[in-house]
PDB file of N, CA and C in Angstrom:
ATOM      1  N   UNK A   1      15.807   3.088  27.194  1.00  0.00           N
ATOM      2  CA  UNK A   1      16.337   1.753  27.944  1.00  0.00           C
ATOM      3  C   UNK A   1      15.670   1.288  28.687  1.00  0.00           C
ATOM      4  N   UNK A   2      15.501   0.405  29.371  1.00  0.00           N
ATOM      5  CA  UNK A   2      14.968  -0.529  30.568  1.00  0.00           C
ATOM      6  C   UNK A   2      16.286  -0.706  31.475  1.00  0.00           C
ATOM      7  N   UNK A   3      15.802  -0.891  32.701  1.00  0.00           N
ATOM      8  CA  UNK A   3      16.649  -1.387  33.803  1.00  0.00           C
ATOM      9  C   UNK A   3      15.754  -2.190  34.313  1.00  0.00           C
ATOM     10  N   UNK A   4      15.570  -3.558  33.529  1.00  0.00           N
ATOM     11  CA  UNK A   4      14.727  -4.233  34.151  1.00  0.00           C
ATOM     12  C   UNK A   4      15.351  -5.676  34.982  1.00  0.00           C
ATOM     13  N   UNK A   5      14.558  -6.374  35.939  1.00  0.00           N
ATOM     14  CA  UNK A   5      14.463  -6.977  36.870  1.00  0.00           C
ATOM     15  C   UNK A   5      13.922  -8.130  36.985  1.00  0.00           C
ATOM     16  N   UNK A   6      14.068  -9.901  36.201  1.00  0.00           N
ATOM     17  CA  UNK A   6      13.042 -10.909  35.725  1.00  0.00           C
ATOM     18  C   UNK A   6      12.872 -11.971  37.633  1.00  0.00           C
ATOM     19  N   UNK A   7      12.188 -12.110  37.812  1.00  0.00           N
ATOM     20  CA  UNK A   7      11.985 -13.830  38.659  1.00  0.00           C
ATOM     21  C   UNK A   7      10.933 -13.825  38.504  1.00  0.00           C
ATOM     22  N   UNK A   8      11.249 -15.721  38.729  1.00  0.00           N
ATOM     23  CA  UNK A   8       9.863 -16.800  38.356  1.00  0.00           C
ATOM     24  C   UNK A   8       8.670 -16.208  39.524  1.00  0.00           C
ATOM     25  N   UNK A   9       7.804 -16.469  39.294  1.00  0.00           N
ATOM     26  CA  UNK A   9       6.936 -16.593  40.707  1.00  0.00           C
ATOM     27  C   UNK A   9       6.012 -18.231  40.139  1.00  0.00           C
ATOM     28  N   UNK A  10       5.234 -18.134  41.506  1.00  0.00           N
ATOM     29  CA  UNK A  10       4.441 -19.711  40.789  1.00  0.00           C
ATOM     30  C   UNK A  10       3.437 -19.456  39.237  1.00  0.00           C
ATOM     31  N   UNK A  11       3.052 -18.770  39.431  1.00  0.00           N
ATOM     32  CA  UNK A  11       1.478 -18.466  38.486  1.00  0.00           C
ATOM     33  C   UNK A  11       2.219 -17.152  37.199  1.00  0.00           C
ATOM     34  N   UNK A  12       4.121 -16.721  37.011  1.00  0.00           N
ATOM     35  CA  UNK A  12       4.389 -16.129  35.912  1.00  0.00           C
ATOM     36  C   UNK A  12       5.115 -15.158  36.434  1.00  0.00           C
ATOM     37  N   UNK A  13       5.399 -14.278  35.827  1.00  0.00           N
ATOM     38  CA  UNK A  13       7.032 -13.948  35.883  1.00  0.00           C
ATOM     39  C   UNK A  13       7.157 -11.920  36.862  1.00  0.00           C
ATOM     40  N   UNK A  14       7.660 -12.063  37.754  1.00  0.00           N
ATOM     41  CA  UNK A  14       7.854 -11.149  38.134  1.00  0.00           C
ATOM     42  C   UNK A  14       8.590  -9.782  37.906  1.00  0.00           C
ATOM     43  N   UNK A  15       8.839  -8.845  37.516  1.00  0.00           N
ATOM     44  CA  UNK A  15       9.950  -7.580  36.993  1.00  0.00           C
ATOM     45  C   UNK A  15       9.504  -6.446  37.908  1.00  0.00           C
ATOM     46  N   UNK A  16      10.438  -6.568  37.789  1.00  0.00           N
ATOM     47  CA  UNK A  16      10.940  -4.939  38.588  1.00  0.00           C
ATOM     48  C   UNK A  16      11.791  -4.728  38.153  1.00  0.00           C
ATOM     49  N   UNK A  17      12.130  -2.922  38.092  1.00  0.00           N
ATOM     50  CA  UNK A  17      12.746  -2.048  38.223  1.00  0.00           C
ATOM     51  C   UNK A  17      12.685  -0.683  37.403  1.00  0.00           C
ATOM     52  N   UNK A  18      13.681   0.062  37.050  1.00  0.00           N
ATOM     53  CA  UNK A  18      12.919   1.191  36.500  1.00  0.00           C
ATOM     54  C   UNK A  18      12.201   2.095  34.920  1.00  0.00           C
ATOM     55  N   UNK A  19      10.953   2.045  35.230  1.00  0.00           N
ATOM     56  CA  UNK A  19      10.267   2.422  34.187  1.00  0.00           C
ATOM     57  C   UNK A  19       9.590   3.721  34.032  1.00  0.00           C
ATOM     58  N   UNK A  20      10.943   4.222  32.987  1.00  0.00           N
ATOM     59  CA  UNK A  20      10.493   5.229  32.667  1.00  0.00           C
ATOM     60  C   UNK A  20       9.901   6.125  31.476  1.00  0.00           C
ATOM     61  N   UNK A  21       9.406   4.879  30.895  1.00  0.00           N
ATOM     62  CA  UNK A  21       8.811   4.921  29.598  1.00  0.00           C
ATOM     63  C   UNK A  21       8.240   3.598  29.762  1.00  0.00           C
ATOM     64  N   UNK A  22       7.068   4.010  28.350  1.00  0.00           N
ATOM     65  CA  UNK A  22       5.952   2.434  27.984  1.00  0.00           C
ATOM     66  C   UNK A  22       6.474   1.398  28.203  1.00  0.00           C
ATOM     67  N   UNK A  23       5.654  -0.082  28.285  1.00  0.00           N
ATOM     68  CA  UNK A  23       6.005  -1.289  28.035  1.00  0.00           C
ATOM     69  C   UNK A  23       4.761  -2.015  27.723  1.00  0.00           C
ATOM     70  N   UNK A  24       5.652  -2.819  26.982  1.00  0.00           N
ATOM     71  CA  UNK A  24       4.086  -3.310  26.150  1.00  0.00           C
ATOM     72  C   UNK A  24       4.638  -5.130  26.473  1.00  0.00           C
ATOM     73  N   UNK A  25       3.325  -5.785  26.872  1.00  0.00           N
ATOM     74  CA  UNK A  25       4.126  -6.817  27.266  1.00  0.00           C
ATOM     75  C   UNK A  25       2.644  -7.725  26.559  1.00  0.00           C
ATOM     76  N   UNK A  26       2.871  -8.336  25.463  1.00  0.00           N
ATOM     77  CA  UNK A  26       1.628  -9.945  25.125  1.00  0.00           C
ATOM     78  C   UNK A  26       0.207  -8.848  25.091  1.00  0.00           C
ATOM     79  N   UNK A  27       0.497  -7.928  24.077  1.00  0.00           N
ATOM     80  CA  UNK A  27      -0.540  -6.568  23.407  1.00  0.00           C
ATOM     81  C   UNK A  27      -1.092  -5.389  24.493  1.00  0.00           C
ATOM     82  N   UNK A  28      -0.621  -5.621  25.823  1.00  0.00           N
ATOM     83  CA  UNK A  28      -0.656  -4.554  26.868  1.00  0.00           C
ATOM     84  C   UNK A  28       0.658  -4.013  26.870  1.00  0.00           C
ATOM     85  N   UNK A  29      -0.522  -2.332  27.186  1.00  0.00           N
ATOM     86  CA  UNK A  29       0.910  -1.263  27.387  1.00  0.00           C
ATOM     87  C   UNK A  29       0.785  -1.318  29.090  1.00  0.00           C
ATOM     88  N   UNK A  30       1.915  -1.259  29.572  1.00  0.00           N
ATOM     89  CA  UNK A  30       2.095  -0.663  31.224  1.00  0.00           C
ATOM     90  C   UNK A  30       2.882   1.110  30.998  1.00  0.00           C
ATOM     91  N   UNK A  31       2.132   2.183  31.290  1.00  0.00           N
ATOM     92  CA  UNK A  31       2.888   3.213  31.514  1.00  0.00           C
ATOM     93  C   UNK A  31       2.647   3.957  32.508  1.00  0.00           C
ATOM     94  N   UNK A  32       3.969   3.724  33.503  1.00  0.00           N
ATOM     95  CA  UNK A  32       4.215   4.382  34.429  1.00  0.00           C
ATOM     96  C   UNK A  32       3.891   6.054  34.349  1.00  0.00           C
ATOM     97  N   UNK A  33       3.273   6.300  35.492  1.00  0.00           N
ATOM     98  CA  UNK A  33       2.676   7.655  36.228  1.00  0.00           C
ATOM     99  C   UNK A  33       3.467   8.526  36.463  1.00  0.00           C
ATOM    100  N   UNK A  34       4.785   8.451  36.748  1.00  0.00           N
ATOM    101  CA  UNK A  34       5.978   8.756  37.032  1.00  0.00           C
ATOM    102  C   UNK A  34       6.906   8.171  37.259  1.00  0.00           C
ATOM    103  N   UNK A  35       8.640   8.554  36.375  1.00  0.00           N
ATOM    104  CA  UNK A  35       9.308   7.432  36.594  1.00  0.00           C
ATOM    105  C   UNK A  35       9.994   7.201  37.742  1.00  0.00           C
ATOM    106  N   UNK A  36       9.618   5.769  37.763  1.00  0.00           N
ATOM    107  CA  UNK A  36       9.969   5.124  39.263  1.00  0.00           C
ATOM    108  C   UNK A  36      10.523   3.871  39.440  1.00  0.00           C
ATOM    109  N   UNK A  37      10.747   3.519  39.987  1.00  0.00           N
ATOM    110  CA  UNK A  37      10.683   1.884  40.242  1.00  0.00           C
ATOM    111  C   UNK A  37       9.066   1.112  40.393  1.00  0.00           C
ATOM    112  N   UNK A  38       8.968   0.229  39.786  1.00  0.00           N
ATOM    113  CA  UNK A  38       8.117  -0.536  39.739  1.00  0.00           C
ATOM    114  C   UNK A  38       7.877  -2.261  40.157  1.00  0.00           C
ATOM    115  N   UNK A  39       6.756  -2.371  40.422  1.00  0.00           N
ATOM    116  CA  UNK A  39       7.239  -4.352  40.554  1.00  0.00           C
ATOM    117  C   UNK A  39       5.500  -4.362  40.170  1.00  0.00           C
ATOM    118  N   UNK A  40       6.041  -5.102  38.776  1.00  0.00           N
ATOM    119  CA  UNK A  40       4.796  -6.233  38.111  1.00  0.00           C
ATOM    120  C   UNK A  40       4.628  -7.476  38.151  1.00  0.00           C
ATOM    121  N   UNK A  41       3.638  -8.357  38.154  1.00  0.00           N
ATOM    122  CA  UNK A  41       3.538  -9.570  37.766  1.00  0.00           C
ATOM    123  C   UNK A  41       3.273  -9.982  36.410  1.00  0.00           C
ATOM    124  N   UNK A  42       3.501 -10.412  36.024  1.00  0.00           N
ATOM    125  CA  UNK A  42       2.799 -10.984  34.775  1.00  0.00           C
ATOM    126  C   UNK A  42       2.475 -12.362  34.836  1.00  0.00           C
ATOM    127  N   UNK A  43       0.766 -12.300  34.577  1.00  0.00           N
ATOM    128  CA  UNK A  43       0.818 -13.744  34.509  1.00  0.00           C
ATOM    129  C   UNK A  43       0.523 -14.217  33.671  1.00  0.00           C
ATOM    130  N   UNK A  44       1.346 -15.720  33.334  1.00  0.00           N
ATOM    131  CA  UNK A  44       1.329 -16.482  31.735  1.00  0.00           C
ATOM    132  C   UNK A  44       0.045 -17.514  31.486  1.00  0.00           C
ATOM    133  N   UNK A  45      -0.160 -17.604  30.226  1.00  0.00           N
ATOM    134  CA  UNK A  45      -1.415 -17.896  29.808  1.00  0.00           C
ATOM    135  C   UNK A  45      -0.920 -19.692  29.938  1.00  0.00           C
ATOM    136  N   UNK A  46      -1.401 -20.498  29.362  1.00  0.00           N
ATOM    137  CA  UNK A  46      -0.832 -21.432  28.584  1.00  0.00           C
ATOM    138  C   UNK A  46      -1.947 -22.349  27.415  1.00  0.00           C
TER     139      UNK A  46
END
Protein backbone atom coordinates (compact mmCIF):
# COMPACT_ATOMS: atom_id res chain seq x y z
CA UNK A 1 0.00 0.00 0.00
CA UNK A 2 1.25 3.47 -0.86
CA UNK A 3 1.14 6.48 1.42
CA UNK A 4 1.01 9.09 -1.35
CA UNK A 5 0.07 12.76 -1.23
CA UNK A 6 -0.89 14.64 -4.40
CA UNK A 7 -0.66 18.36 -5.14
CA UNK A 8 -1.38 20.24 -8.33
CA UNK A 9 1.41 21.94 -10.24
CA UNK A 10 1.20 24.27 -13.25
CA UNK A 11 2.19 21.51 -15.68
CA UNK A 12 1.28 18.33 -13.82
CA UNK A 13 0.91 16.65 -10.46
CA UNK A 14 3.44 16.55 -7.62
CA UNK A 15 3.47 13.20 -5.82
CA UNK A 16 5.17 12.75 -2.46
CA UNK A 17 5.15 9.76 -0.22
CA UNK A 18 6.77 6.65 1.06
CA UNK A 19 7.69 4.60 -2.01
CA UNK A 20 8.50 1.09 -0.84
CA UNK A 21 7.74 -0.68 -4.12
CA UNK A 22 7.47 0.13 -7.80
CA UNK A 23 4.78 2.57 -8.96
CA UNK A 24 3.32 2.63 -12.48
CA UNK A 25 1.98 5.86 -13.97
CA UNK A 26 0.73 6.04 -17.56
CA UNK A 27 2.84 3.09 -18.70
CA UNK A 28 6.09 4.18 -16.99
CA UNK A 29 7.40 2.37 -13.93
CA UNK A 30 9.14 4.28 -11.14
CA UNK A 31 11.23 2.06 -8.88
CA UNK A 32 12.78 3.48 -5.69
CA UNK A 33 16.41 2.61 -5.02
CA UNK A 34 15.65 2.22 -1.30
CA UNK A 35 12.54 2.60 0.87
CA UNK A 36 12.36 6.34 1.44
CA UNK A 37 10.26 9.41 0.90
CA UNK A 38 10.48 10.71 -2.67
CA UNK A 39 9.07 13.67 -4.57
CA UNK A 40 7.98 13.09 -8.16
CA UNK A 41 6.53 15.48 -10.75
CA UNK A 42 4.27 13.81 -13.28
CA UNK A 43 3.79 16.10 -16.28
CA UNK A 44 0.35 15.80 -17.82
CA UNK A 45 -0.08 15.43 -21.56
CA UNK A 46 -2.93 16.96 -23.50
